[in-house]
Amino acid sequence: MIKDKIAAIVRTLPATTRLVAVSKYHPDEAILEAYDAGQRVFGESKVQELVGKHDRLPSDVEWHFIGHLQTNKVKYIVPFIALIHSIDSFKLLAEVDKQASKINRRVNCLLQLHVAQEESKFGFTPQECREMLAEGEWKQLRNVRICGVMGMATNTDDDEQIMHEFCLLSEFFKECQSTWFKEEDSFRELSMGMSDDYPLAVQAGSTLIRVGSSIFGERDYSR
């Protein structure tokens, strides 16, 4: 049962780590089962699917956007999104700011880092992110709040490599905290770890784990 799976995961987490239940491609009924078990934070990666679920499901769900976000889709989620994990360019951050300013909202965002060995993953390299932060243009954006960083490890059975990549993310997060966000208490989220590797991510300091298949089972891509 979904309730038991959530309880089993949450039992393993320290108080400093929250569970984002990744509900993409899963039906409303499964999300409601998780909701009835007390889960309130859900992650989606397709804008159209997320908007539909937001409209149909309870209003106190905390929706996180965790997938690649196109600039032309930003306006659809800005009114309600709790956290965007996947800011992978200054252009995207500026677009979130622009759309949020229209409705007088400040949107919480994470900077997505690319540390994995797979080309298919999105995100800044650590050096690109350093350069963007050092340039300082982001400080003029009044309707976004950078709350931390997100990243994914390589999809591999090599725990040593996975742990190395999570440690890279953790070290970069701490570098940002001490260099550009010293005065910002809100810069505190390190989003890393999924169904197969979240225990390692927690060891490396993750504050948000994104778990889907371990809760909901395999996704139905035909929906």
C-alpha atoms as a PDB file:
ATOM      1  CA  MET A   1       0.000   0.000   0.000  1.00  0.00           C
ATOM      2  CA  ILE A   2       1.111   3.558  -0.740  1.00  0.00           C
ATOM      3  CA  LYS A   3       0.569   4.537   2.901  1.00  0.00           C
ATOM      4  CA  ASP A   4       2.969   1.829   4.109  1.00  0.00           C
ATOM      5  CA  LYS A   5       5.591   2.706   1.492  1.00  0.00           C
ATOM      6  CA  ILE A   6       5.566   6.379   2.501  1.00  0.00           C
ATOM      7  CA  ALA A   7       5.807   5.478   6.191  1.00  0.00           C
ATOM      8  CA  ALA A   8       8.764   3.160   5.500  1.00  0.00           C
ATOM      9  CA  ILE A   9      10.652   5.920   3.667  1.00  0.00           C
ATOM     10  CA  VAL A  10       9.861   8.675   6.158  1.00  0.00           C
ATOM     11  CA  ARG A  11      11.053   6.465   9.041  1.00  0.00           C
ATOM     12  CA  THR A  12      14.540   6.442   7.513  1.00  0.00           C
ATOM     13  CA  LEU A  13      14.795  10.226   7.110  1.00  0.00           C
ATOM     14  CA  PRO A  14      16.360  12.663   9.563  1.00  0.00           C
ATOM     15  CA  ALA A  15      14.290  15.645  10.681  1.00  0.00           C
ATOM     16  CA  THR A  16      16.265  17.825   8.246  1.00  0.00           C
ATOM     17  CA  THR A  17      15.102  15.906   5.140  1.00  0.00           C
ATOM     18  CA  ARG A  18      11.663  16.132   3.519  1.00  0.00           C
ATOM     19  CA  LEU A  19      10.070  13.708   1.075  1.00  0.00           C
ATOM     20  CA  VAL A  20       8.841  14.977  -2.298  1.00  0.00           C
ATOM     21  CA  ALA A  21       6.505  12.271  -3.631  1.00  0.00           C
ATOM     22  CA  VAL A  22       7.056  12.248  -7.396  1.00  0.00           C
ATOM     23  CA  SER A  23       3.560  11.805  -8.797  1.00  0.00           C
ATOM     24  CA  LYS A  24       4.196  12.443 -12.505  1.00  0.00           C
ATOM     25  CA  TYR A  25       2.310  10.031 -14.781  1.00  0.00           C
ATOM     26  CA  HIS A  26       0.377   8.688 -11.790  1.00  0.00           C
ATOM     27  CA  PRO A  27      -3.414   9.103 -11.445  1.00  0.00           C
ATOM     28  CA  ASP A  28      -5.256  11.349  -9.021  1.00  0.00           C
ATOM     29  CA  GLU A  29      -6.413   8.310  -7.026  1.00  0.00           C
ATOM     30  CA  ALA A  30      -2.828   7.340  -6.179  1.00  0.00           C
ATOM     31  CA  ILE A  31      -1.983  10.913  -5.160  1.00  0.00           C
ATOM     32  CA  LEU A  32      -5.083  11.053  -2.948  1.00  0.00           C
ATOM     33  CA  GLU A  33      -4.027   7.794  -1.292  1.00  0.00           C
ATOM     34  CA  ALA A  34      -0.664   9.377  -0.470  1.00  0.00           C
ATOM     35  CA  TYR A  35      -2.442  12.560   0.632  1.00  0.00           C
ATOM     36  CA  ASP A  36      -4.682  10.570   2.985  1.00  0.00           C
ATOM     37  CA  ALA A  37      -1.511   9.051   4.464  1.00  0.00           C
ATOM     38  CA  GLY A  38      -0.376  12.576   5.381  1.00  0.00           C
ATOM     39  CA  GLN A  39       1.888  13.357   2.417  1.00  0.00           C
ATOM     40  CA  ARG A  40       1.532  16.960   1.253  1.00  0.00           C
ATOM     41  CA  VAL A  41       4.555  17.607  -0.996  1.00  0.00           C
ATOM     42  CA  PHE A  42       4.290  16.264  -4.558  1.00  0.00           C
ATOM     43  CA  GLY A  43       6.606  16.649  -7.542  1.00  0.00           C
ATOM     44  CA  GLU A  44       5.585  16.920 -11.197  1.00  0.00           C
ATOM     45  CA  SER A  45       7.624  17.429 -14.358  1.00  0.00           C
ATOM     46  CA  LYS A  46       5.041  18.158 -17.084  1.00  0.00           C
ATOM     47  CA  VAL A  47       3.340  21.547 -16.955  1.00  0.00           C
ATOM     48  CA  GLN A  48       0.019  20.488 -18.478  1.00  0.00           C
ATOM     49  CA  GLU A  49      -0.276  17.470 -16.184  1.00  0.00           C
ATOM     50  CA  LEU A  50       0.652  19.563 -13.146  1.00  0.00           C
ATOM     51  CA  VAL A  51      -1.905  22.289 -13.897  1.00  0.00           C
ATOM     52  CA  GLY A  52      -4.668  19.694 -14.254  1.00  0.00           C
ATOM     53  CA  LYS A  53      -3.789  18.002 -10.990  1.00  0.00           C
ATOM     54  CA  HIS A  54      -3.527  21.332  -9.182  1.00  0.00           C
ATOM     55  CA  ASP A  55      -7.044  22.216 -10.362  1.00  0.00           C
ATOM     56  CA  ARG A  56      -8.532  18.866  -9.299  1.00  0.00           C
ATOM     57  CA  LEU A  57      -6.732  17.966  -6.081  1.00  0.00           C
ATOM     58  CA  PRO A  58      -6.829  19.470  -2.553  1.00  0.00           C
ATOM     59  CA  SER A  59      -5.749  23.090  -2.257  1.00  0.00           C
ATOM     60  CA  ASP A  60      -3.225  22.454   0.519  1.00  0.00           C
ATOM     61  CA  VAL A  61      -0.996  20.250  -1.641  1.00  0.00           C
ATOM     62  CA  GLU A  62       2.507  21.755  -1.932  1.00  0.00           C
ATOM     63  CA  TRP A  63       3.390  21.343  -5.614  1.00  0.00           C
ATOM     64  CA  HIS A  64       7.036  21.200  -6.682  1.00  0.00           C
ATOM     65  CA  PHE A  65       8.123  21.355 -10.328  1.00  0.00           C
ATOM     66  CA  ILE A  66      11.062  19.003 -10.840  1.00  0.00           C
ATOM     67  CA  GLY A  67      11.379  18.582 -14.630  1.00  0.00           C
ATOM     68  CA  HIS A  68      12.928  20.589 -17.437  1.00  0.00           C
ATOM     69  CA  LEU A  69      10.926  23.824 -17.669  1.00  0.00           C
ATOM     70  CA  GLN A  70      10.513  25.697 -20.945  1.00  0.00           C
ATOM     71  CA  THR A  71      10.282  29.481 -20.679  1.00  0.00           C
ATOM     72  CA  ASN A  72       6.983  29.593 -22.590  1.00  0.00           C
ATOM     73  CA  LYS A  73       5.334  27.334 -19.977  1.00  0.00           C
ATOM     74  CA  VAL A  74       6.432  29.276 -16.887  1.00  0.00           C
ATOM     75  CA  LYS A  75       3.306  31.460 -16.750  1.00  0.00           C
ATOM     76  CA  TYR A  76       1.038  28.453 -16.223  1.00  0.00           C
ATOM     77  CA  ILE A  77       2.621  27.306 -12.953  1.00  0.00           C
ATOM     78  CA  VAL A  78       3.827  30.579 -11.406  1.00  0.00           C
ATOM     79  CA  PRO A  79       0.463  31.352  -9.725  1.00  0.00           C
ATOM     80  CA  PHE A  80       0.596  28.314  -7.441  1.00  0.00           C
ATOM     81  CA  ILE A  81       3.956  26.514  -7.525  1.00  0.00           C
ATOM     82  CA  ALA A  82       5.668  26.148  -4.134  1.00  0.00           C
ATOM     83  CA  LEU A  83       9.168  25.400  -5.459  1.00  0.00           C
ATOM     84  CA  ILE A  84      10.786  25.077  -8.898  1.00  0.00           C
ATOM     85  CA  HIS A  85      13.729  22.671  -8.588  1.00  0.00           C
ATOM     86  CA  SER A  86      14.995  22.971 -12.151  1.00  0.00           C
ATOM     87  CA  ILE A  87      16.312  26.459 -12.913  1.00  0.00           C
ATOM     88  CA  ASP A  88      19.052  25.659 -15.436  1.00  0.00           C
ATOM     89  CA  SER A  89      19.746  29.096 -16.962  1.00  0.00           C
ATOM     90  CA  PHE A  90      19.617  32.769 -16.063  1.00  0.00           C
ATOM     91  CA  LYS A  91      17.115  33.233 -18.897  1.00  0.00           C
ATOM     92  CA  LEU A  92      14.695  30.840 -17.191  1.00  0.00           C
ATOM     93  CA  LEU A  93      15.166  32.492 -13.795  1.00  0.00           C
ATOM     94  CA  ALA A  94      14.447  35.893 -15.354  1.00  0.00           C
ATOM     95  CA  GLU A  95      11.287  34.566 -17.012  1.00  0.00           C
ATOM     96  CA  VAL A  96      10.008  33.184 -13.694  1.00  0.00           C
ATOM     97  CA  ASP A  97      10.682  36.605 -12.173  1.00  0.00           C
ATOM     98  CA  LYS A  98       8.858  38.360 -15.022  1.00  0.00           C
ATOM     99  CA  GLN A  99       5.759  36.182 -14.787  1.00  0.00           C
ATOM    100  CA  ALA A 100       5.710  36.284 -10.977  1.00  0.00           C
ATOM    101  CA  SER A 101       5.921  40.078 -10.995  1.00  0.00           C
ATOM    102  CA  LYS A 102       2.688  40.231 -12.998  1.00  0.00           C
ATOM    103  CA  ILE A 103       0.772  38.646 -10.130  1.00  0.00           C
ATOM    104  CA  ASN A 104       2.832  40.173  -7.310  1.00  0.00           C
ATOM    105  CA  ARG A 105       4.187  36.815  -6.161  1.00  0.00           C
ATOM    106  CA  ARG A 106       7.675  35.707  -5.167  1.00  0.00           C
ATOM    107  CA  VAL A 107       8.524  32.216  -6.390  1.00  0.00           C
ATOM    108  CA  ASN A 108      10.998  29.922  -4.646  1.00  0.00           C
ATOM    109  CA  CYS A 109      13.568  28.339  -6.981  1.00  0.00           C
ATOM    110  CA  LEU A 110      16.532  25.962  -6.929  1.00  0.00           C
ATOM    111  CA  LEU A 111      19.501  26.143  -9.285  1.00  0.00           C
ATOM    112  CA  GLN A 112      19.920  22.850 -11.143  1.00  0.00           C
ATOM    113  CA  LEU A 113      23.508  21.574 -11.306  1.00  0.00           C
ATOM    114  CA  HIS A 114      24.789  19.039 -13.820  1.00  0.00           C
ATOM    115  CA  VAL A 115      27.317  16.716 -12.164  1.00  0.00           C
ATOM    116  CA  ALA A 116      26.284  13.350 -13.665  1.00  0.00           C
ATOM    117  CA  GLN A 117      28.082  11.509 -16.447  1.00  0.00           C
ATOM    118  CA  GLU A 118      24.998  11.530 -18.693  1.00  0.00           C
ATOM    119  CA  GLU A 119      24.674  14.188 -21.397  1.00  0.00           C
ATOM    120  CA  SER A 120      20.877  13.920 -21.311  1.00  0.00           C
ATOM    121  CA  LYS A 121      20.588  15.688 -17.965  1.00  0.00           C
ATOM    122  CA  PHE A 122      20.064  19.452 -17.784  1.00  0.00           C
ATOM    123  CA  GLY A 123      21.658  22.038 -15.533  1.00  0.00           C
ATOM    124  CA  PHE A 124      24.507  24.477 -14.988  1.00  0.00           C
ATOM    125  CA  THR A 125      28.001  23.115 -14.609  1.00  0.00           C
ATOM    126  CA  PRO A 126      29.378  24.282 -11.251  1.00  0.00           C
ATOM    127  CA  GLN A 127      31.598  26.789 -13.065  1.00  0.00           C
ATOM    128  CA  GLU A 128      28.718  28.177 -15.146  1.00  0.00           C
ATOM    129  CA  CYS A 129      26.675  28.597 -11.986  1.00  0.00           C
ATOM    130  CA  ARG A 130      29.544  30.350 -10.192  1.00  0.00           C
ATOM    131  CA  GLU A 131      29.891  32.766 -13.103  1.00  0.00           C
ATOM    132  CA  MET A 132      26.159  33.493 -13.154  1.00  0.00           C
ATOM    133  CA  LEU A 133      26.090  34.155  -9.410  1.00  0.00           C
ATOM    134  CA  ALA A 134      29.293  36.237  -9.527  1.00  0.00           C
ATOM    135  CA  GLU A 135      27.904  38.448 -12.311  1.00  0.00           C
ATOM    136  CA  GLY A 136      25.159  39.422  -9.878  1.00  0.00           C
ATOM    137  CA  GLU A 137      22.360  40.228 -12.316  1.00  0.00           C
ATOM    138  CA  TRP A 138      20.110  37.805 -10.415  1.00  0.00           C
ATOM    139  CA  LYS A 139      20.153  40.186  -7.437  1.00  0.00           C
ATOM    140  CA  GLN A 140      17.943  42.588  -9.396  1.00  0.00           C
ATOM    141  CA  LEU A 141      15.173  39.989  -9.691  1.00  0.00           C
ATOM    142  CA  ARG A 142      12.630  40.834  -7.003  1.00  0.00           C
ATOM    143  CA  ASN A 143      10.049  38.117  -7.654  1.00  0.00           C
ATOM    144  CA  VAL A 144      12.211  35.022  -7.331  1.00  0.00           C
ATOM    145  CA  ARG A 145      13.965  33.649  -4.279  1.00  0.00           C
ATOM    146  CA  ILE A 146      16.917  31.297  -4.811  1.00  0.00           C
ATOM    147  CA  CYS A 147      16.566  28.738  -2.016  1.00  0.00           C
ATOM    148  CA  GLY A 148      19.275  26.214  -2.860  1.00  0.00           C
ATOM    149  CA  VAL A 149      20.469  23.753  -5.471  1.00  0.00           C
ATOM    150  CA  MET A 150      19.248  20.556  -7.102  1.00  0.00           C
ATOM    151  CA  GLY A 151      21.043  17.807  -8.942  1.00  0.00           C
ATOM    152  CA  MET A 152      20.964  14.185 -10.048  1.00  0.00           C
ATOM    153  CA  ALA A 153      23.632  11.527  -9.810  1.00  0.00           C
ATOM    154  CA  THR A 154      24.551   9.285 -12.714  1.00  0.00           C
ATOM    155  CA  ASN A 155      22.202   6.325 -13.202  1.00  0.00           C
ATOM    156  CA  THR A 156      24.677   3.621 -12.207  1.00  0.00           C
ATOM    157  CA  ASP A 157      25.111   0.765  -9.727  1.00  0.00           C
ATOM    158  CA  ASP A 158      28.427   2.263  -8.625  1.00  0.00           C
ATOM    159  CA  ASP A 159      27.650   3.646  -5.161  1.00  0.00           C
ATOM    160  CA  GLU A 160      31.085   5.228  -4.939  1.00  0.00           C
ATOM    161  CA  GLN A 161      30.465   7.314  -8.059  1.00  0.00           C
ATOM    162  CA  ILE A 162      26.981   8.284  -6.884  1.00  0.00           C
ATOM    163  CA  MET A 163      28.316   9.343  -3.486  1.00  0.00           C
ATOM    164  CA  HIS A 164      31.114  11.324  -5.137  1.00  0.00           C
ATOM    165  CA  GLU A 165      28.556  13.252  -7.221  1.00  0.00           C
ATOM    166  CA  PHE A 166      26.301  13.898  -4.244  1.00  0.00           C
ATOM    167  CA  CYS A 167      29.300  15.195  -2.302  1.00  0.00           C
ATOM    168  CA  LEU A 168      30.140  17.520  -5.212  1.00  0.00           C
ATOM    169  CA  LEU A 169      26.602  18.907  -5.021  1.00  0.00           C
ATOM    170  CA  SER A 170      26.787  19.242  -1.250  1.00  0.00           C
ATOM    171  CA  GLU A 171      30.129  21.054  -1.425  1.00  0.00           C
ATOM    172  CA  PHE A 172      28.823  23.417  -4.095  1.00  0.00           C
ATOM    173  CA  PHE A 173      25.708  24.110  -2.000  1.00  0.00           C
ATOM    174  CA  LYS A 174      27.915  25.032   0.982  1.00  0.00           C
ATOM    175  CA  GLU A 175      30.111  27.203  -1.250  1.00  0.00           C
ATOM    176  CA  CYS A 176      27.029  29.115  -2.424  1.00  0.00           C
ATOM    177  CA  GLN A 177      25.784  29.432   1.131  1.00  0.00           C
ATOM    178  CA  SER A 178      29.046  30.945   2.356  1.00  0.00           C
ATOM    179  CA  THR A 179      29.805  33.071  -0.721  1.00  0.00           C
ATOM    180  CA  TRP A 180      26.616  34.518  -2.235  1.00  0.00           C
ATOM    181  CA  PHE A 181      23.879  33.756   0.291  1.00  0.00           C
ATOM    182  CA  LYS A 182      25.537  34.400   3.659  1.00  0.00           C
ATOM    183  CA  GLU A 183      22.706  36.684   4.756  1.00  0.00           C
ATOM    184  CA  GLU A 184      19.895  34.552   3.299  1.00  0.00           C
ATOM    185  CA  ASP A 185      18.315  32.117   5.760  1.00  0.00           C
ATOM    186  CA  SER A 186      16.044  30.944   2.949  1.00  0.00           C
ATOM    187  CA  PHE A 187      19.018  29.436   1.064  1.00  0.00           C
ATOM    188  CA  ARG A 188      18.794  26.037   2.762  1.00  0.00           C
ATOM    189  CA  GLU A 189      17.538  23.411   0.299  1.00  0.00           C
ATOM    190  CA  LEU A 190      19.698  20.708  -1.256  1.00  0.00           C
ATOM    191  CA  SER A 191      17.458  18.606  -3.511  1.00  0.00           C
ATOM    192  CA  MET A 192      19.101  15.322  -4.440  1.00  0.00           C
ATOM    193  CA  GLY A 193      18.302  11.637  -4.232  1.00  0.00           C
ATOM    194  CA  MET A 194      15.648   9.521  -5.951  1.00  0.00           C
ATOM    195  CA  SER A 195      14.156   6.048  -5.396  1.00  0.00           C
ATOM    196  CA  ASP A 196      17.375   4.133  -6.111  1.00  0.00           C
ATOM    197  CA  ASP A 197      19.892   6.376  -4.394  1.00  0.00           C
ATOM    198  CA  TYR A 198      18.208   8.569  -1.775  1.00  0.00           C
ATOM    199  CA  PRO A 199      19.884   6.895   1.249  1.00  0.00           C
ATOM    200  CA  LEU A 200      23.258   8.017  -0.140  1.00  0.00           C
ATOM    201  CA  ALA A 201      21.868  11.499  -0.817  1.00  0.00           C
ATOM    202  CA  VAL A 202      20.661  11.773   2.774  1.00  0.00           C
ATOM    203  CA  GLN A 203      24.134  10.813   4.006  1.00  0.00           C
ATOM    204  CA  ALA A 204      25.559  13.620   1.847  1.00  0.00           C
ATOM    205  CA  GLY A 205      23.183  16.209   3.329  1.00  0.00           C
ATOM    206  CA  SER A 206      20.082  16.227   1.113  1.00  0.00           C
ATOM    207  CA  THR A 207      17.151  18.222   2.495  1.00  0.00           C
ATOM    208  CA  LEU A 208      14.687  17.147  -0.225  1.00  0.00           C
ATOM    209  CA  ILE A 209      14.514  13.657  -1.735  1.00  0.00           C
ATOM    210  CA  ARG A 210      12.431  13.091  -4.881  1.00  0.00           C
ATOM    211  CA  VAL A 211      10.933   9.601  -4.708  1.00  0.00           C
ATOM    212  CA  GLY A 212       8.367   8.221  -7.154  1.00  0.00           C
ATOM    213  CA  SER A 213       8.558   4.546  -8.130  1.00  0.00           C
ATOM    214  CA  SER A 214       9.307   3.377  -4.577  1.00  0.00           C
ATOM    215  CA  ILE A 215       5.957   4.886  -3.552  1.00  0.00           C
ATOM    216  CA  PHE A 216       3.681   4.623  -6.582  1.00  0.00           C
ATOM    217  CA  GLY A 217       5.282   1.769  -8.526  1.00  0.00           C
ATOM    218  CA  GLU A 218       6.361   2.025 -12.141  1.00  0.00           C
ATOM    219  CA  ARG A 219       4.802   4.835 -14.193  1.00  0.00           C
ATOM    220  CA  ASP A 220       2.094   4.352 -16.786  1.00  0.00           C
ATOM    221  CA  TYR A 221       3.466   6.337 -19.742  1.00  0.00           C
ATOM    222  CA  SER A 222       0.373   5.664 -21.837  1.00  0.00           C
ATOM    223  CA  ARG A 223      -1.814   7.988 -19.762  1.00  0.00           C
END
